[in-house]
Amino acid sequence: GPSAGAAWLSTAAAGDRLLVQGQQDTWYQVQWQGQEAYIRTQDLLLVQ
């Protein structure tokens, strides 16, 4: 799961689109480059 102390595996650029699959506390679970990843809710703008 998500952790503020976890190592970064990749960085999404402004304008990248991610598929949100769920939310856990202050994190969104997303699909990124074919893998499960987490991004802080404050760093993601949701559009529908």
PDB file of N, CA and C in Angstrom:
ATOM      1  N   GLY A   1       0.804  -1.190   0.000  1.00  0.00           N
ATOM      2  CA  GLY A   1       0.000   0.000   0.000  1.00  0.00           C
ATOM      3  C   GLY A   1       0.845   1.250   0.000  1.00  0.00           C
ATOM      4  N   PRO A   2       0.222   2.410   0.082  1.00  0.00           N
ATOM      5  CA  PRO A   2       0.930   3.678   0.026  1.00  0.00           C
ATOM      6  C   PRO A   2       1.676   3.987   1.316  1.00  0.00           C
ATOM      7  N   SER A   3       2.767   4.719   1.201  1.00  0.00           N
ATOM      8  CA  SER A   3       3.536   5.160   2.353  1.00  0.00           C
ATOM      9  C   SER A   3       4.308   6.411   1.976  1.00  0.00           C
ATOM     10  N   ALA A   4       4.269   7.423   2.834  1.00  0.00           N
ATOM     11  CA  ALA A   4       4.994   8.661   2.555  1.00  0.00           C
ATOM     12  C   ALA A   4       6.496   8.423   2.511  1.00  0.00           C
ATOM     13  N   GLY A   5       6.971   7.357   3.170  1.00  0.00           N
ATOM     14  CA  GLY A   5       8.393   7.061   3.194  1.00  0.00           C
ATOM     15  C   GLY A   5       8.844   6.088   2.123  1.00  0.00           C
ATOM     16  N   ALA A   6       7.937   5.648   1.264  1.00  0.00           N
ATOM     17  CA  ALA A   6       8.287   4.668   0.230  1.00  0.00           C
ATOM     18  C   ALA A   6       9.121   5.323  -0.868  1.00  0.00           C
ATOM     19  N   ALA A   7       9.907   4.510  -1.549  1.00  0.00           N
ATOM     20  CA  ALA A   7      10.723   5.012  -2.654  1.00  0.00           C
ATOM     21  C   ALA A   7       9.840   5.350  -3.850  1.00  0.00           C
ATOM     22  N   TRP A   8      10.236   6.377  -4.588  1.00  0.00           N
ATOM     23  CA  TRP A   8       9.527   6.743  -5.813  1.00  0.00           C
ATOM     24  C   TRP A   8       9.955   5.808  -6.919  1.00  0.00           C
ATOM     25  N   LEU A   9       9.007   5.296  -7.665  1.00  0.00           N
ATOM     26  CA  LEU A   9       9.318   4.424  -8.792  1.00  0.00           C
ATOM     27  C   LEU A   9       9.273   5.174 -10.110  1.00  0.00           C
ATOM     28  N   SER A  10       8.428   6.190 -10.170  1.00  0.00           N
ATOM     29  CA  SER A  10       8.252   6.940 -11.407  1.00  0.00           C
ATOM     30  C   SER A  10       7.589   8.262 -11.074  1.00  0.00           C
ATOM     31  N   THR A  11       7.610   9.172 -12.013  1.00  0.00           N
ATOM     32  CA  THR A  11       6.981  10.471 -11.831  1.00  0.00           C
ATOM     33  C   THR A  11       6.036  10.742 -12.990  1.00  0.00           C
ATOM     34  N   ALA A  12       4.811  11.109 -12.666  1.00  0.00           N
ATOM     35  CA  ALA A  12       3.848  11.502 -13.691  1.00  0.00           C
ATOM     36  C   ALA A  12       4.038  12.990 -13.974  1.00  0.00           C
ATOM     37  N   ALA A  13       3.909  13.364 -15.215  1.00  0.00           N
ATOM     38  CA  ALA A  13       4.055  14.767 -15.611  1.00  0.00           C
ATOM     39  C   ALA A  13       2.696  15.463 -15.598  1.00  0.00           C
ATOM     40  N   ALA A  14       2.720  16.766 -15.474  1.00  0.00           N
ATOM     41  CA  ALA A  14       1.486  17.548 -15.551  1.00  0.00           C
ATOM     42  C   ALA A  14       0.790  17.239 -16.869  1.00  0.00           C
ATOM     43  N   GLY A  15      -0.499  16.957 -16.800  1.00  0.00           N
ATOM     44  CA  GLY A  15      -1.266  16.635 -17.999  1.00  0.00           C
ATOM     45  C   GLY A  15      -1.413  15.149 -18.262  1.00  0.00           C
ATOM     46  N   ASP A  16      -0.611  14.315 -17.584  1.00  0.00           N
ATOM     47  CA  ASP A  16      -0.762  12.865 -17.733  1.00  0.00           C
ATOM     48  C   ASP A  16      -2.124  12.444 -17.202  1.00  0.00           C
ATOM     49  N   ARG A  17      -2.712  11.445 -17.835  1.00  0.00           N
ATOM     50  CA  ARG A  17      -4.009  10.929 -17.395  1.00  0.00           C
ATOM     51  C   ARG A  17      -3.799   9.578 -16.731  1.00  0.00           C
ATOM     52  N   LEU A  18      -4.374   9.435 -15.538  1.00  0.00           N
ATOM     53  CA  LEU A  18      -4.259   8.208 -14.760  1.00  0.00           C
ATOM     54  C   LEU A  18      -5.654   7.674 -14.485  1.00  0.00           C
ATOM     55  N   LEU A  19      -5.818   6.372 -14.496  1.00  0.00           N
ATOM     56  CA  LEU A  19      -7.095   5.752 -14.170  1.00  0.00           C
ATOM     57  C   LEU A  19      -7.145   5.508 -12.669  1.00  0.00           C
ATOM     58  N   VAL A  20      -8.043   6.216 -11.972  1.00  0.00           N
ATOM     59  CA  VAL A  20      -8.188   6.064 -10.525  1.00  0.00           C
ATOM     60  C   VAL A  20      -9.023   4.829 -10.247  1.00  0.00           C
ATOM     61  N   GLN A  21      -8.496   3.946  -9.392  1.00  0.00           N
ATOM     62  CA  GLN A  21      -9.181   2.696  -9.064  1.00  0.00           C
ATOM     63  C   GLN A  21      -9.717   2.676  -7.640  1.00  0.00           C
ATOM     64  N   GLY A  22      -9.288   3.626  -6.824  1.00  0.00           N
ATOM     65  CA  GLY A  22      -9.772   3.654  -5.455  1.00  0.00           C
ATOM     66  C   GLY A  22      -9.065   4.735  -4.667  1.00  0.00           C
ATOM     67  N   GLN A  23      -9.449   4.869  -3.393  1.00  0.00           N
ATOM     68  CA  GLN A  23      -8.837   5.863  -2.518  1.00  0.00           C
ATOM     69  C   GLN A  23      -8.579   5.230  -1.167  1.00  0.00           C
ATOM     70  N   GLN A  24      -7.411   5.525  -0.594  1.00  0.00           N
ATOM     71  CA  GLN A  24      -7.046   5.035   0.728  1.00  0.00           C
ATOM     72  C   GLN A  24      -6.445   6.202   1.495  1.00  0.00           C
ATOM     73  N   ASP A  25      -7.174   6.703   2.481  1.00  0.00           N
ATOM     74  CA  ASP A  25      -6.761   7.875   3.259  1.00  0.00           C
ATOM     75  C   ASP A  25      -6.473   9.045   2.319  1.00  0.00           C
ATOM     76  N   THR A  26      -5.239   9.548   2.305  1.00  0.00           N
ATOM     77  CA  THR A  26      -4.890  10.696   1.464  1.00  0.00           C
ATOM     78  C   THR A  26      -4.227  10.268   0.158  1.00  0.00           C
ATOM     79  N   TRP A  27      -4.479   9.044  -0.275  1.00  0.00           N
ATOM     80  CA  TRP A  27      -3.875   8.502  -1.490  1.00  0.00           C
ATOM     81  C   TRP A  27      -4.940   8.006  -2.450  1.00  0.00           C
ATOM     82  N   TYR A  28      -4.705   8.196  -3.753  1.00  0.00           N
ATOM     83  CA  TYR A  28      -5.501   7.539  -4.784  1.00  0.00           C
ATOM     84  C   TYR A  28      -4.713   6.338  -5.295  1.00  0.00           C
ATOM     85  N   GLN A  29      -5.401   5.220  -5.467  1.00  0.00           N
ATOM     86  CA  GLN A  29      -4.812   4.062  -6.141  1.00  0.00           C
ATOM     87  C   GLN A  29      -5.088   4.239  -7.624  1.00  0.00           C
ATOM     88  N   VAL A  30      -4.049   4.177  -8.449  1.00  0.00           N
ATOM     89  CA  VAL A  30      -4.179   4.439  -9.882  1.00  0.00           C
ATOM     90  C   VAL A  30      -3.479   3.352 -10.691  1.00  0.00           C
ATOM     91  N   GLN A  31      -3.811   3.299 -11.973  1.00  0.00           N
ATOM     92  CA  GLN A  31      -3.062   2.492 -12.938  1.00  0.00           C
ATOM     93  C   GLN A  31      -2.065   3.420 -13.617  1.00  0.00           C
ATOM     94  N   TRP A  32      -0.787   3.086 -13.555  1.00  0.00           N
ATOM     95  CA  TRP A  32       0.255   3.913 -14.151  1.00  0.00           C
ATOM     96  C   TRP A  32       1.232   3.008 -14.876  1.00  0.00           C
ATOM     97  N   GLN A  33       1.329   3.182 -16.161  1.00  0.00           N
ATOM     98  CA  GLN A  33       2.234   2.399 -17.006  1.00  0.00           C
ATOM     99  C   GLN A  33       2.020   0.896 -16.810  1.00  0.00           C
ATOM    100  N   GLY A  34       0.735   0.514 -16.709  1.00  0.00           N
ATOM    101  CA  GLY A  34       0.376  -0.890 -16.602  1.00  0.00           C
ATOM    102  C   GLY A  34       0.539  -1.501 -15.225  1.00  0.00           C
ATOM    103  N   GLN A  35       0.837  -0.682 -14.211  1.00  0.00           N
ATOM    104  CA  GLN A  35       1.026  -1.202 -12.859  1.00  0.00           C
ATOM    105  C   GLN A  35       0.182  -0.413 -11.866  1.00  0.00           C
ATOM    106  N   GLU A  36      -0.088  -1.038 -10.715  1.00  0.00           N
ATOM    107  CA  GLU A  36      -0.774  -0.360  -9.627  1.00  0.00           C
ATOM    108  C   GLU A  36       0.198   0.616  -8.981  1.00  0.00           C
ATOM    109  N   ALA A  37      -0.281   1.836  -8.753  1.00  0.00           N
ATOM    110  CA  ALA A  37       0.554   2.856  -8.132  1.00  0.00           C
ATOM    111  C   ALA A  37      -0.323   3.725  -7.235  1.00  0.00           C
ATOM    112  N   TYR A  38       0.306   4.581  -6.460  1.00  0.00           N
ATOM    113  CA  TYR A  38      -0.419   5.490  -5.580  1.00  0.00           C
ATOM    114  C   TYR A  38       0.082   6.904  -5.790  1.00  0.00           C
ATOM    115  N   ILE A  39      -0.849   7.862  -5.702  1.00  0.00           N
ATOM    116  CA  ILE A  39      -0.512   9.276  -5.810  1.00  0.00           C
ATOM    117  C   ILE A  39      -1.316  10.018  -4.745  1.00  0.00           C
ATOM    118  N   ARG A  40      -0.689  11.017  -4.127  1.00  0.00           N
ATOM    119  CA  ARG A  40      -1.390  11.769  -3.082  1.00  0.00           C
ATOM    120  C   ARG A  40      -2.578  12.519  -3.679  1.00  0.00           C
ATOM    121  N   THR A  41      -3.673  12.554  -2.947  1.00  0.00           N
ATOM    122  CA  THR A  41      -4.882  13.211  -3.448  1.00  0.00           C
ATOM    123  C   THR A  41      -4.623  14.676  -3.781  1.00  0.00           C
ATOM    124  N   GLN A  42      -3.756  15.345  -3.026  1.00  0.00           N
ATOM    125  CA  GLN A  42      -3.480  16.765  -3.272  1.00  0.00           C
ATOM    126  C   GLN A  42      -2.686  16.990  -4.558  1.00  0.00           C
ATOM    127  N   ASP A  43      -2.100  15.937  -5.113  1.00  0.00           N
ATOM    128  CA  ASP A  43      -1.289  16.061  -6.328  1.00  0.00           C
ATOM    129  C   ASP A  43      -2.032  15.647  -7.590  1.00  0.00           C
ATOM    130  N   LEU A  44      -3.336  15.400  -7.469  1.00  0.00           N
ATOM    131  CA  LEU A  44      -4.103  14.916  -8.612  1.00  0.00           C
ATOM    132  C   LEU A  44      -5.391  15.713  -8.745  1.00  0.00           C
ATOM    133  N   LEU A  45      -5.690  16.177  -9.945  1.00  0.00           N
ATOM    134  CA  LEU A  45      -6.941  16.871 -10.240  1.00  0.00           C
ATOM    135  C   LEU A  45      -7.866  15.883 -10.927  1.00  0.00           C
ATOM    136  N   LEU A  46      -9.010  15.611 -10.303  1.00  0.00           N
ATOM    137  CA  LEU A  46      -9.958  14.664 -10.881  1.00  0.00           C
ATOM    138  C   LEU A  46     -10.816  15.342 -11.934  1.00  0.00           C
ATOM    139  N   VAL A  47     -10.947  14.699 -13.090  1.00  0.00           N
ATOM    140  CA  VAL A  47     -11.854  15.146 -14.144  1.00  0.00           C
ATOM    141  C   VAL A  47     -12.704  13.958 -14.559  1.00  0.00           C
ATOM    142  N   GLN A  48     -13.930  14.250 -14.988  1.00  0.00           N
ATOM    143  CA  GLN A  48     -14.826  13.159 -15.378  1.00  0.00           C
ATOM    144  C   GLN A  48     -15.333  13.360 -16.774  1.00  0.00           C
TER     145      GLN A  48
END
